[in-house]
C-alpha atoms as a PDB file:
ATOM      1  CA  MET A   1      -0.064   0.114  -0.002  1.00  0.00           C
ATOM      2  CA  VAL A   2       1.378   3.436  -0.977  1.00  0.00           C
ATOM      3  CA  ARG A   3       1.816   5.823   1.886  1.00  0.00           C
ATOM      4  CA  PRO A   4       0.123   9.180   1.676  1.00  0.00           C
ATOM      5  CA  ARG A   5       2.391  12.133   1.145  1.00  0.00           C
ATOM      6  CA  GLU A   6       3.274  14.088   4.517  1.00  0.00           C
ATOM      7  CA  PHE A   7       3.575  17.556   2.896  1.00  0.00           C
ATOM      8  CA  ASP A   8       1.184  19.836   0.751  1.00  0.00           C
ATOM      9  CA  GLU A   9       2.354  19.366  -2.949  1.00  0.00           C
ATOM     10  CA  GLU A  10       0.876  22.717  -4.055  1.00  0.00           C
ATOM     11  CA  GLN A  11       2.687  24.469  -1.162  1.00  0.00           C
ATOM     12  CA  ALA A  12       6.018  22.714  -1.924  1.00  0.00           C
ATOM     13  CA  LEU A  13       5.736  23.432  -5.703  1.00  0.00           C
ATOM     14  CA  HIS A  14       4.575  27.159  -4.864  1.00  0.00           C
ATOM     15  CA  ALA A  15       8.042  27.409  -2.749  1.00  0.00           C
ATOM     16  CA  ALA A  16      10.109  25.783  -5.380  1.00  0.00           C
ATOM     17  CA  MET A  17       8.439  28.372  -7.700  1.00  0.00           C
ATOM     18  CA  ARG A  18       9.641  31.268  -5.680  1.00  0.00           C
ATOM     19  CA  LEU A  19      13.138  29.877  -5.419  1.00  0.00           C
ATOM     20  CA  PHE A  20      13.604  29.176  -9.145  1.00  0.00           C
ATOM     21  CA  TRP A  21      12.148  32.725  -9.811  1.00  0.00           C
ATOM     22  CA  GLU A  22      14.775  34.178  -7.657  1.00  0.00           C
ATOM     23  CA  LYS A  23      17.678  32.227  -8.449  1.00  0.00           C
ATOM     24  CA  GLY A  24      17.195  30.738 -12.036  1.00  0.00           C
ATOM     25  CA  TYR A  25      17.597  26.948 -12.764  1.00  0.00           C
ATOM     26  CA  GLU A  26      21.057  26.556 -12.889  1.00  0.00           C
ATOM     27  CA  ALA A  27      21.728  28.632  -9.578  1.00  0.00           C
ATOM     28  CA  ALA A  28      18.984  26.778  -7.540  1.00  0.00           C
ATOM     29  CA  SER A  29      20.782  23.581  -5.880  1.00  0.00           C
ATOM     30  CA  LEU A  30      18.937  20.800  -4.597  1.00  0.00           C
ATOM     31  CA  SER A  31      20.002  21.742  -1.136  1.00  0.00           C
ATOM     32  CA  ASP A  32      18.232  25.126  -1.699  1.00  0.00           C
ATOM     33  CA  LEU A  33      15.212  23.346  -2.887  1.00  0.00           C
ATOM     34  CA  THR A  34      14.916  21.033   0.024  1.00  0.00           C
ATOM     35  CA  ALA A  35      15.379  23.934   2.498  1.00  0.00           C
ATOM     36  CA  ALA A  36      12.776  25.795   0.660  1.00  0.00           C
ATOM     37  CA  MET A  37      10.267  23.174  -0.027  1.00  0.00           C
ATOM     38  CA  GLY A  38      10.674  21.541   3.644  1.00  0.00           C
ATOM     39  CA  ILE A  39      11.226  18.343   2.191  1.00  0.00           C
ATOM     40  CA  GLN A  40      13.960  15.804   1.382  1.00  0.00           C
ATOM     41  CA  ARG A  41      15.322  14.608  -2.115  1.00  0.00           C
ATOM     42  CA  PRO A  42      13.678  11.601  -2.071  1.00  0.00           C
ATOM     43  CA  SER A  43      10.056  13.282  -1.654  1.00  0.00           C
ATOM     44  CA  ILE A  44      11.033  15.507  -4.556  1.00  0.00           C
ATOM     45  CA  TYR A  45      11.883  12.805  -6.878  1.00  0.00           C
ATOM     46  CA  ALA A  46       8.670  11.065  -5.865  1.00  0.00           C
ATOM     47  CA  ALA A  47       6.465  13.822  -6.192  1.00  0.00           C
ATOM     48  CA  PHE A  48       8.096  16.054  -9.131  1.00  0.00           C
ATOM     49  CA  GLY A  49      10.959  13.779 -11.020  1.00  0.00           C
ATOM     50  CA  ASP A  50      13.957  15.534 -11.304  1.00  0.00           C
ATOM     51  CA  LYS A  51      15.172  18.868 -10.811  1.00  0.00           C
ATOM     52  CA  LYS A  52      14.246  19.985 -14.706  1.00  0.00           C
ATOM     53  CA  MET A  53      10.844  18.195 -14.205  1.00  0.00           C
ATOM     54  CA  LEU A  54      10.518  20.277 -11.105  1.00  0.00           C
ATOM     55  CA  PHE A  55      11.359  23.348 -12.872  1.00  0.00           C
ATOM     56  CA  GLU A  56       8.905  22.692 -15.425  1.00  0.00           C
ATOM     57  CA  ALA A  57       6.106  22.370 -13.136  1.00  0.00           C
ATOM     58  CA  ALA A  58       7.015  25.297 -11.592  1.00  0.00           C
ATOM     59  CA  LEU A  59       7.285  27.330 -14.505  1.00  0.00           C
ATOM     60  CA  ARG A  60       3.803  26.064 -15.672  1.00  0.00           C
ATOM     61  CA  LYS A  61       2.463  26.953 -12.203  1.00  0.00           C
ATOM     62  CA  TYR A  62       3.867  30.519 -12.515  1.00  0.00           C
ATOM     63  CA  THR A  63       2.629  30.935 -16.280  1.00  0.00           C
ATOM     64  CA  HIS A  64      -0.981  29.819 -15.071  1.00  0.00           C
ATOM     65  CA  LEU A  65      -1.014  32.357 -12.395  1.00  0.00           C
ATOM     66  CA  HIS A  66       0.411  35.032 -14.259  1.00  0.00           C
ATOM     67  CA  ALA A  67      -1.854  34.369 -17.382  1.00  0.00           C
ATOM     68  CA  ALA A  68      -4.994  34.601 -14.990  1.00  0.00           C
ATOM     69  CA  TYR A  69      -3.506  37.891 -13.204  1.00  0.00           C
ATOM     70  CA  VAL A  70      -2.823  39.635 -16.633  1.00  0.00           C
ATOM     71  CA  ARG A  71      -6.108  38.588 -17.783  1.00  0.00           C
ATOM     72  CA  SER A  72      -7.960  39.944 -14.827  1.00  0.00           C
ATOM     73  CA  ARG A  73      -6.303  43.289 -15.228  1.00  0.00           C
ATOM     74  CA  PHE A  74      -7.753  43.366 -19.207  1.00  0.00           C
ATOM     75  CA  GLN A  75     -11.460  42.228 -18.618  1.00  0.00           C
ATOM     76  CA  GLY A  76     -14.312  44.220 -17.921  1.00  0.00           C
ATOM     77  CA  LYS A  77     -12.500  47.506 -18.310  1.00  0.00           C
ATOM     78  CA  ALA A  78     -14.300  50.211 -20.414  1.00  0.00           C
ATOM     79  CA  SER A  79     -11.282  52.226 -21.706  1.00  0.00           C
ATOM     80  CA  VAL A  80      -8.714  50.086 -23.666  1.00  0.00           C
ATOM     81  CA  LYS A  81      -6.280  52.969 -23.664  1.00  0.00           C
ATOM     82  CA  GLU A  82      -6.430  53.246 -19.775  1.00  0.00           C
ATOM     83  CA  THR A  83      -6.309  49.298 -19.368  1.00  0.00           C
ATOM     84  CA  PHE A  84      -2.921  49.418 -21.179  1.00  0.00           C
ATOM     85  CA  ARG A  85      -1.670  52.477 -19.416  1.00  0.00           C
ATOM     86  CA  ALA A  86      -2.611  51.176 -15.822  1.00  0.00           C
ATOM     87  CA  PHE A  87      -1.180  47.519 -16.817  1.00  0.00           C
ATOM     88  CA  PHE A  88       2.294  49.230 -17.931  1.00  0.00           C
ATOM     89  CA  GLU A  89       2.502  51.784 -15.179  1.00  0.00           C
ATOM     90  CA  ASP A  90       1.781  49.500 -12.398  1.00  0.00           C
ATOM     91  CA  LEU A  91       4.119  47.033 -13.680  1.00  0.00           C
ATOM     92  CA  VAL A  92       6.907  49.799 -13.477  1.00  0.00           C
ATOM     93  CA  ALA A  93       5.795  50.972 -10.111  1.00  0.00           C
ATOM     94  CA  ALA A  94       5.734  47.563  -8.577  1.00  0.00           C
ATOM     95  CA  GLU A  95       9.438  47.099  -9.743  1.00  0.00           C
ATOM     96  CA  TYR A  96      10.609  50.367  -8.379  1.00  0.00           C
ATOM     97  CA  SER A  97       8.631  49.679  -5.005  1.00  0.00           C
ATOM     98  CA  PRO A  98      10.771  49.345  -1.804  1.00  0.00           C
ATOM     99  CA  ASP A  99       7.708  47.301  -0.487  1.00  0.00           C
ATOM    100  CA  GLU A 100       7.222  45.055  -3.338  1.00  0.00           C
ATOM    101  CA  GLN A 101       8.779  41.629  -2.446  1.00  0.00           C
ATOM    102  CA  ASP A 102       9.180  40.429  -6.087  1.00  0.00           C
ATOM    103  CA  ALA A 103      11.051  43.770  -7.139  1.00  0.00           C
ATOM    104  CA  GLY A 104      14.241  42.808  -8.985  1.00  0.00           C
ATOM    105  CA  ARG A 105      13.234  39.280  -9.938  1.00  0.00           C
ATOM    106  CA  GLY A 106      11.649  40.256 -13.336  1.00  0.00           C
ATOM    107  CA  CYS A 107       9.232  37.752 -14.854  1.00  0.00           C
ATOM    108  CA  PHE A 108       9.915  33.921 -14.143  1.00  0.00           C
ATOM    109  CA  CYS A 109       8.841  33.210 -17.522  1.00  0.00           C
ATOM    110  CA  ILE A 110      10.915  35.769 -19.323  1.00  0.00           C
ATOM    111  CA  ASN A 111      13.723  35.089 -17.065  1.00  0.00           C
ATOM    112  CA  THR A 112      13.600  31.220 -18.363  1.00  0.00           C
ATOM    113  CA  MET A 113      13.284  32.662 -22.001  1.00  0.00           C
ATOM    114  CA  VAL A 114      16.714  34.310 -21.427  1.00  0.00           C
ATOM    115  CA  GLU A 115      18.213  31.368 -19.411  1.00  0.00           C
ATOM    116  CA  LEU A 116      17.011  27.973 -21.028  1.00  0.00           C
ATOM    117  CA  ALA A 117      15.103  28.766 -24.225  1.00  0.00           C
ATOM    118  CA  PRO A 118      18.161  29.339 -26.384  1.00  0.00           C
ATOM    119  CA  HIS A 119      19.231  25.913 -25.628  1.00  0.00           C
ATOM    120  CA  ASP A 120      16.321  23.979 -24.686  1.00  0.00           C
ATOM    121  CA  GLU A 121      13.586  23.389 -26.952  1.00  0.00           C
ATOM    122  CA  LYS A 122      11.135  22.427 -24.183  1.00  0.00           C
ATOM    123  CA  PHE A 123      11.581  25.771 -22.384  1.00  0.00           C
ATOM    124  CA  GLU A 124      11.619  27.535 -25.981  1.00  0.00           C
ATOM    125  CA  ILE A 125       8.083  26.210 -26.430  1.00  0.00           C
ATOM    126  CA  LEU A 126       6.786  26.804 -23.082  1.00  0.00           C
ATOM    127  CA  THR A 127       7.812  30.247 -23.063  1.00  0.00           C
ATOM    128  CA  ARG A 128       6.714  30.835 -26.659  1.00  0.00           C
ATOM    129  CA  GLU A 129       3.129  29.602 -25.677  1.00  0.00           C
ATOM    130  CA  HIS A 130       2.972  32.281 -22.934  1.00  0.00           C
ATOM    131  CA  GLN A 131       4.091  34.979 -25.352  1.00  0.00           C
ATOM    132  CA  MET A 132       1.387  33.615 -27.583  1.00  0.00           C
ATOM    133  CA  TYR A 133      -1.199  33.728 -24.766  1.00  0.00           C
ATOM    134  CA  LEU A 134      -0.332  37.484 -23.996  1.00  0.00           C
ATOM    135  CA  SER A 135      -0.401  38.558 -27.588  1.00  0.00           C
ATOM    136  CA  ALA A 136      -3.956  36.978 -27.971  1.00  0.00           C
ATOM    137  CA  LEU A 137      -4.930  38.784 -24.811  1.00  0.00           C
ATOM    138  CA  PHE A 138      -3.623  41.932 -25.977  1.00  0.00           C
ATOM    139  CA  GLN A 139      -5.029  41.748 -29.378  1.00  0.00           C
ATOM    140  CA  GLU A 140      -8.753  41.036 -28.110  1.00  0.00           C
ATOM    141  CA  THR A 141      -8.481  43.963 -26.155  1.00  0.00           C
ATOM    142  CA  ILE A 142      -7.239  46.102 -28.992  1.00  0.00           C
ATOM    143  CA  GLU A 143      -9.827  44.793 -31.336  1.00  0.00           C
ATOM    144  CA  ARG A 144     -12.611  45.727 -28.594  1.00  0.00           C
ATOM    145  CA  GLY A 145     -11.182  49.394 -28.549  1.00  0.00           C
ATOM    146  CA  VAL A 146     -11.489  49.424 -32.398  1.00  0.00           C
ATOM    147  CA  ARG A 147     -15.047  48.120 -32.381  1.00  0.00           C
ATOM    148  CA  SER A 148     -16.207  50.660 -29.573  1.00  0.00           C
ATOM    149  CA  GLY A 149     -14.647  53.409 -31.670  1.00  0.00           C
ATOM    150  CA  GLU A 150     -12.084  54.326 -29.008  1.00  0.00           C
ATOM    151  CA  LEU A 151      -9.411  53.449 -31.228  1.00  0.00           C
ATOM    152  CA  SER A 152      -8.852  54.013 -34.774  1.00  0.00           C
ATOM    153  CA  ASN A 153      -9.973  51.549 -37.317  1.00  0.00           C
ATOM    154  CA  THR A 154      -6.450  51.916 -38.867  1.00  0.00           C
ATOM    155  CA  ILE A 155      -4.952  50.306 -36.302  1.00  0.00           C
ATOM    156  CA  GLN A 156      -3.356  46.711 -36.997  1.00  0.00           C
ATOM    157  CA  PRO A 157      -4.493  44.779 -33.811  1.00  0.00           C
ATOM    158  CA  ARG A 158      -2.106  41.765 -34.100  1.00  0.00           C
ATOM    159  CA  ALA A 159       0.846  43.708 -34.879  1.00  0.00           C
ATOM    160  CA  LEU A 160       0.201  46.373 -32.076  1.00  0.00           C
ATOM    161  CA  ALA A 161      -0.490  43.406 -29.602  1.00  0.00           C
ATOM    162  CA  GLN A 162       2.898  41.789 -30.580  1.00  0.00           C
ATOM    163  CA  THR A 163       4.667  45.051 -30.157  1.00  0.00           C
ATOM    164  CA  PHE A 164       3.323  45.465 -26.417  1.00  0.00           C
ATOM    165  CA  VAL A 165       4.588  41.753 -25.767  1.00  0.00           C
ATOM    166  CA  VAL A 166       7.990  42.906 -27.080  1.00  0.00           C
ATOM    167  CA  THR A 167       7.644  46.084 -25.146  1.00  0.00           C
ATOM    168  CA  LEU A 168       6.587  44.234 -22.039  1.00  0.00           C
ATOM    169  CA  ILE A 169       9.438  41.579 -22.374  1.00  0.00           C
ATOM    170  CA  GLY A 170      12.110  44.483 -23.141  1.00  0.00           C
ATOM    171  CA  ILE A 171      11.381  46.566 -20.186  1.00  0.00           C
ATOM    172  CA  THR A 172      11.024  43.611 -17.608  1.00  0.00           C
ATOM    173  CA  VAL A 173      14.321  42.505 -18.558  1.00  0.00           C
ATOM    174  CA  MET A 174      15.930  46.022 -18.507  1.00  0.00           C
ATOM    175  CA  MET A 175      14.288  46.751 -15.001  1.00  0.00           C
ATOM    176  CA  ARG A 176      16.375  44.064 -13.636  1.00  0.00           C
ATOM    177  CA  SER A 177      19.433  46.185 -14.026  1.00  0.00           C
ATOM    178  CA  ARG A 178      17.794  49.008 -12.301  1.00  0.00           C
ATOM    179  CA  PRO A 179      17.911  51.649 -14.831  1.00  0.00           C
ATOM    180  CA  ASP A 180      16.923  55.329 -14.059  1.00  0.00           C
ATOM    181  CA  ARG A 181      13.021  55.142 -13.721  1.00  0.00           C
ATOM    182  CA  SER A 182      12.602  57.938 -16.337  1.00  0.00           C
ATOM    183  CA  PHE A 183      14.291  55.637 -19.021  1.00  0.00           C
ATOM    184  CA  ILE A 184      11.688  53.224 -18.647  1.00  0.00           C
ATOM    185  CA  ASN A 185       8.591  55.615 -18.241  1.00  0.00           C
ATOM    186  CA  ASN A 186       9.612  57.248 -21.440  1.00  0.00           C
ATOM    187  CA  ALA A 187       9.753  53.905 -23.155  1.00  0.00           C
ATOM    188  CA  VAL A 188       5.977  53.034 -21.827  1.00  0.00           C
ATOM    189  CA  PHE A 189       4.952  56.490 -22.543  1.00  0.00           C
ATOM    190  CA  SER A 190       6.142  56.073 -26.469  1.00  0.00           C
ATOM    191  CA  ALA A 191       4.631  52.356 -26.684  1.00  0.00           C
ATOM    192  CA  LEU A 192       1.341  53.941 -25.393  1.00  0.00           C
ATOM    193  CA  THR A 193       1.172  56.494 -28.025  1.00  0.00           C
ATOM    194  CA  LEU A 194       0.877  53.638 -30.631  1.00  0.00           C
ATOM    195  CA  LEU A 195      -2.892  53.435 -29.436  1.00  0.00           C
ATOM    196  CA  GLY A 196      -3.459  56.972 -30.696  1.00  0.00           C
END
Protein backbone atom coordinates (compact mmCIF):
# COMPACT_ATOMS: atom_id res chain seq x y z
CA MET A 1 0.00 0.00 0.00
CA VAL A 2 1.32 3.44 -0.97
CA ARG A 3 1.80 5.82 1.95
CA PRO A 4 0.05 9.17 1.58
CA ARG A 5 2.41 12.10 1.11
CA GLU A 6 3.22 13.91 4.34
CA PHE A 7 3.47 17.33 2.76
CA ASP A 8 1.32 19.69 0.73
CA GLU A 9 2.42 19.30 -2.91
CA GLU A 10 0.96 22.64 -3.98
CA GLN A 11 2.69 24.47 -1.14
CA ALA A 12 5.99 22.73 -1.93
CA LEU A 13 5.64 23.54 -5.63
CA HIS A 14 4.89 27.17 -4.80
CA ALA A 15 8.07 27.33 -2.68
CA ALA A 16 10.08 25.79 -5.55
CA MET A 17 8.56 28.29 -7.97
CA ARG A 18 9.63 31.22 -5.81
CA LEU A 19 13.16 29.85 -5.42
CA PHE A 20 13.58 29.19 -9.16
CA TRP A 21 12.12 32.63 -9.88
CA GLU A 22 14.68 34.23 -7.59
CA LYS A 23 17.76 32.18 -8.55
CA GLY A 24 17.06 30.66 -11.95
CA TYR A 25 17.46 27.01 -12.91
CA GLU A 26 21.24 26.64 -12.77
CA ALA A 27 21.83 28.56 -9.53
CA ALA A 28 19.11 26.78 -7.54
CA SER A 29 20.76 23.73 -5.98
CA LEU A 30 18.94 20.68 -4.68
CA SER A 31 19.98 21.73 -1.18
CA ASP A 32 18.34 25.13 -1.78
CA LEU A 33 15.20 23.38 -3.01
CA THR A 34 14.93 20.96 -0.07
CA ALA A 35 15.35 23.87 2.35
CA ALA A 36 12.79 26.06 0.59
CA MET A 37 10.27 23.28 0.06
CA GLY A 38 10.70 21.76 3.52
CA ILE A 39 11.05 18.22 2.15
CA GLN A 40 13.91 15.81 1.45
CA ARG A 41 15.31 14.80 -1.93
CA PRO A 42 13.51 11.42 -2.12
CA SER A 43 10.19 13.23 -1.63
CA ILE A 44 11.05 15.73 -4.39
CA TYR A 45 11.92 12.89 -6.78
CA ALA A 46 8.81 10.90 -5.85
CA ALA A 47 6.45 13.86 -6.26
CA PHE A 48 7.99 15.86 -9.10
CA GLY A 49 10.76 13.84 -10.75
CA ASP A 50 14.21 15.33 -11.30
CA LYS A 51 15.23 18.97 -10.98
CA LYS A 52 14.32 19.84 -14.56
CA MET A 53 10.86 18.28 -14.20
CA LEU A 54 10.34 20.24 -10.98
CA PHE A 55 11.43 23.42 -12.76
CA GLU A 56 8.97 22.73 -15.57
CA ALA A 57 6.13 22.19 -13.07
CA ALA A 58 7.09 25.42 -11.30
CA LEU A 59 7.20 27.35 -14.59
CA ARG A 60 3.80 25.97 -15.64
CA LYS A 61 2.37 27.02 -12.27
CA TYR A 62 3.82 30.52 -12.69
CA THR A 63 2.57 30.98 -16.26
CA HIS A 64 -0.91 29.82 -15.22
CA LEU A 65 -0.97 32.32 -12.34
CA HIS A 66 0.52 35.11 -14.45
CA ALA A 67 -1.93 34.51 -17.31
CA ALA A 68 -4.88 34.66 -14.88
CA TYR A 69 -3.52 37.85 -13.32
CA VAL A 70 -3.02 39.60 -16.68
CA ARG A 71 -6.45 38.48 -17.91
CA SER A 72 -8.04 39.92 -14.76
CA ARG A 73 -6.33 43.26 -15.50
CA PHE A 74 -7.81 43.38 -19.01
CA GLN A 75 -11.36 42.11 -18.46
CA GLY A 76 -14.36 44.33 -17.93
CA LYS A 77 -12.56 47.66 -18.27
CA ALA A 78 -14.31 50.39 -20.25
CA SER A 79 -11.30 52.18 -21.72
CA VAL A 80 -8.76 50.17 -23.69
CA LYS A 81 -6.21 52.98 -23.57
CA GLU A 82 -6.59 53.29 -19.80
CA THR A 83 -6.31 49.51 -19.39
CA PHE A 84 -2.95 49.36 -21.19
CA ARG A 85 -1.70 52.51 -19.45
CA ALA A 86 -2.55 51.18 -15.99
CA PHE A 87 -1.08 47.75 -16.78
CA PHE A 88 2.32 49.10 -17.86
CA GLU A 89 2.50 51.85 -15.24
CA ASP A 90 1.62 49.44 -12.42
CA LEU A 91 4.25 46.99 -13.69
CA VAL A 92 6.91 49.70 -13.51
CA ALA A 93 5.70 51.05 -10.16
CA ALA A 94 5.82 47.58 -8.57
CA GLU A 95 9.37 47.03 -9.80
CA TYR A 96 10.58 50.29 -8.26
CA SER A 97 8.59 49.93 -5.02
CA PRO A 98 10.73 49.27 -1.92
CA ASP A 99 7.78 47.35 -0.44
CA GLU A 100 7.31 44.94 -3.35
CA GLN A 101 8.72 41.52 -2.35
CA ASP A 102 9.24 40.45 -5.97
CA ALA A 103 10.98 43.66 -7.09
CA GLY A 104 14.19 42.89 -8.94
CA ARG A 105 13.16 39.37 -9.91
CA GLY A 106 11.61 40.26 -13.23
CA CYS A 107 9.19 37.72 -14.71
CA PHE A 108 9.92 34.04 -14.10
CA CYS A 109 8.80 33.15 -17.63
CA ILE A 110 10.93 35.86 -19.25
CA ASN A 111 13.90 34.90 -17.07
CA THR A 112 13.50 31.33 -18.34
CA MET A 113 13.27 32.58 -21.92
CA VAL A 114 16.68 34.22 -21.44
CA GLU A 115 18.34 31.44 -19.39
CA LEU A 116 17.08 28.17 -20.89
CA ALA A 117 15.05 28.72 -24.07
CA PRO A 118 18.06 29.38 -26.35
CA HIS A 119 19.38 25.84 -25.77
CA ASP A 120 16.39 23.80 -24.56
CA GLU A 121 13.51 23.22 -26.99
CA LYS A 122 10.99 22.37 -24.28
CA PHE A 123 11.49 25.71 -22.54
CA GLU A 124 11.61 27.54 -25.86
CA ILE A 125 8.13 26.16 -26.57
CA LEU A 126 6.77 26.81 -23.06
CA THR A 127 7.93 30.42 -22.97
CA ARG A 128 6.72 31.04 -26.54
CA GLU A 129 3.28 29.67 -25.61
CA HIS A 130 3.03 32.25 -22.83
CA GLN A 131 4.11 35.04 -25.19
CA MET A 132 1.43 33.93 -27.67
CA TYR A 133 -1.18 33.85 -24.91
CA LEU A 134 -0.35 37.43 -23.91
CA SER A 135 -0.35 38.51 -27.55
CA ALA A 136 -3.81 37.01 -28.09
CA LEU A 137 -5.13 38.71 -24.95
CA PHE A 138 -3.69 42.07 -25.99
CA GLN A 139 -5.09 41.62 -29.50
CA GLU A 140 -8.60 40.87 -28.15
CA THR A 141 -8.43 44.03 -26.07
CA ILE A 142 -7.25 46.19 -28.98
CA GLU A 143 -9.96 44.75 -31.26
CA ARG A 144 -12.54 45.64 -28.60
CA GLY A 145 -11.24 49.21 -28.65
CA VAL A 146 -11.52 49.35 -32.45
CA ARG A 147 -15.09 47.99 -32.34
CA SER A 148 -16.12 50.51 -29.70
CA GLY A 149 -14.63 53.40 -31.67
CA GLU A 150 -12.13 54.28 -28.94
CA LEU A 151 -9.26 53.23 -31.22
CA SER A 152 -8.81 54.05 -34.89
CA ASN A 153 -9.87 51.41 -37.39
CA THR A 154 -6.51 51.93 -39.12
CA ILE A 155 -4.76 50.19 -36.19
CA GLN A 156 -3.53 46.68 -36.93
CA PRO A 157 -4.50 44.81 -33.72
CA ARG A 158 -2.26 41.78 -34.21
CA ALA A 159 0.87 43.79 -34.99
CA LEU A 160 0.22 46.22 -32.14
CA ALA A 161 -0.42 43.37 -29.69
CA GLN A 162 2.90 41.78 -30.65
CA THR A 163 4.61 45.16 -30.24
CA PHE A 164 3.22 45.39 -26.70
CA VAL A 165 4.48 41.86 -25.89
CA VAL A 166 7.96 42.86 -27.07
CA THR A 167 7.68 46.08 -25.05
CA LEU A 168 6.64 44.10 -21.97
CA ILE A 169 9.54 41.65 -22.33
CA GLY A 170 12.04 44.40 -23.04
CA ILE A 171 11.18 46.61 -20.10
CA THR A 172 10.91 43.62 -17.76
CA VAL A 173 14.42 42.44 -18.68
CA MET A 174 15.82 45.97 -18.56
CA MET A 175 14.33 46.75 -15.14
CA ARG A 176 16.40 43.94 -13.64
CA SER A 177 19.45 46.17 -14.10
CA ARG A 178 17.69 49.02 -12.24
CA PRO A 179 17.97 51.77 -14.89
CA ASP A 180 16.83 55.28 -14.06
CA ARG A 181 13.06 55.10 -13.83
CA SER A 182 12.59 57.92 -16.33
CA PHE A 183 14.24 55.72 -19.00
CA ILE A 184 11.52 53.08 -18.54
CA ASN A 185 8.73 55.64 -18.18
CA ASN A 186 9.70 57.24 -21.49
CA ALA A 187 9.64 53.85 -23.24
CA VAL A 188 6.20 53.04 -21.82
CA PHE A 189 4.85 56.48 -22.78
CA SER A 190 6.14 56.12 -26.33
CA ALA A 191 4.70 52.61 -26.72
CA LEU A 192 1.29 53.75 -25.48
CA THR A 193 1.15 56.51 -28.11
CA LEU A 194 0.71 53.71 -30.67
CA LEU A 195 -2.87 53.37 -29.38
CA GLY A 196 -3.54 56.86 -30.78
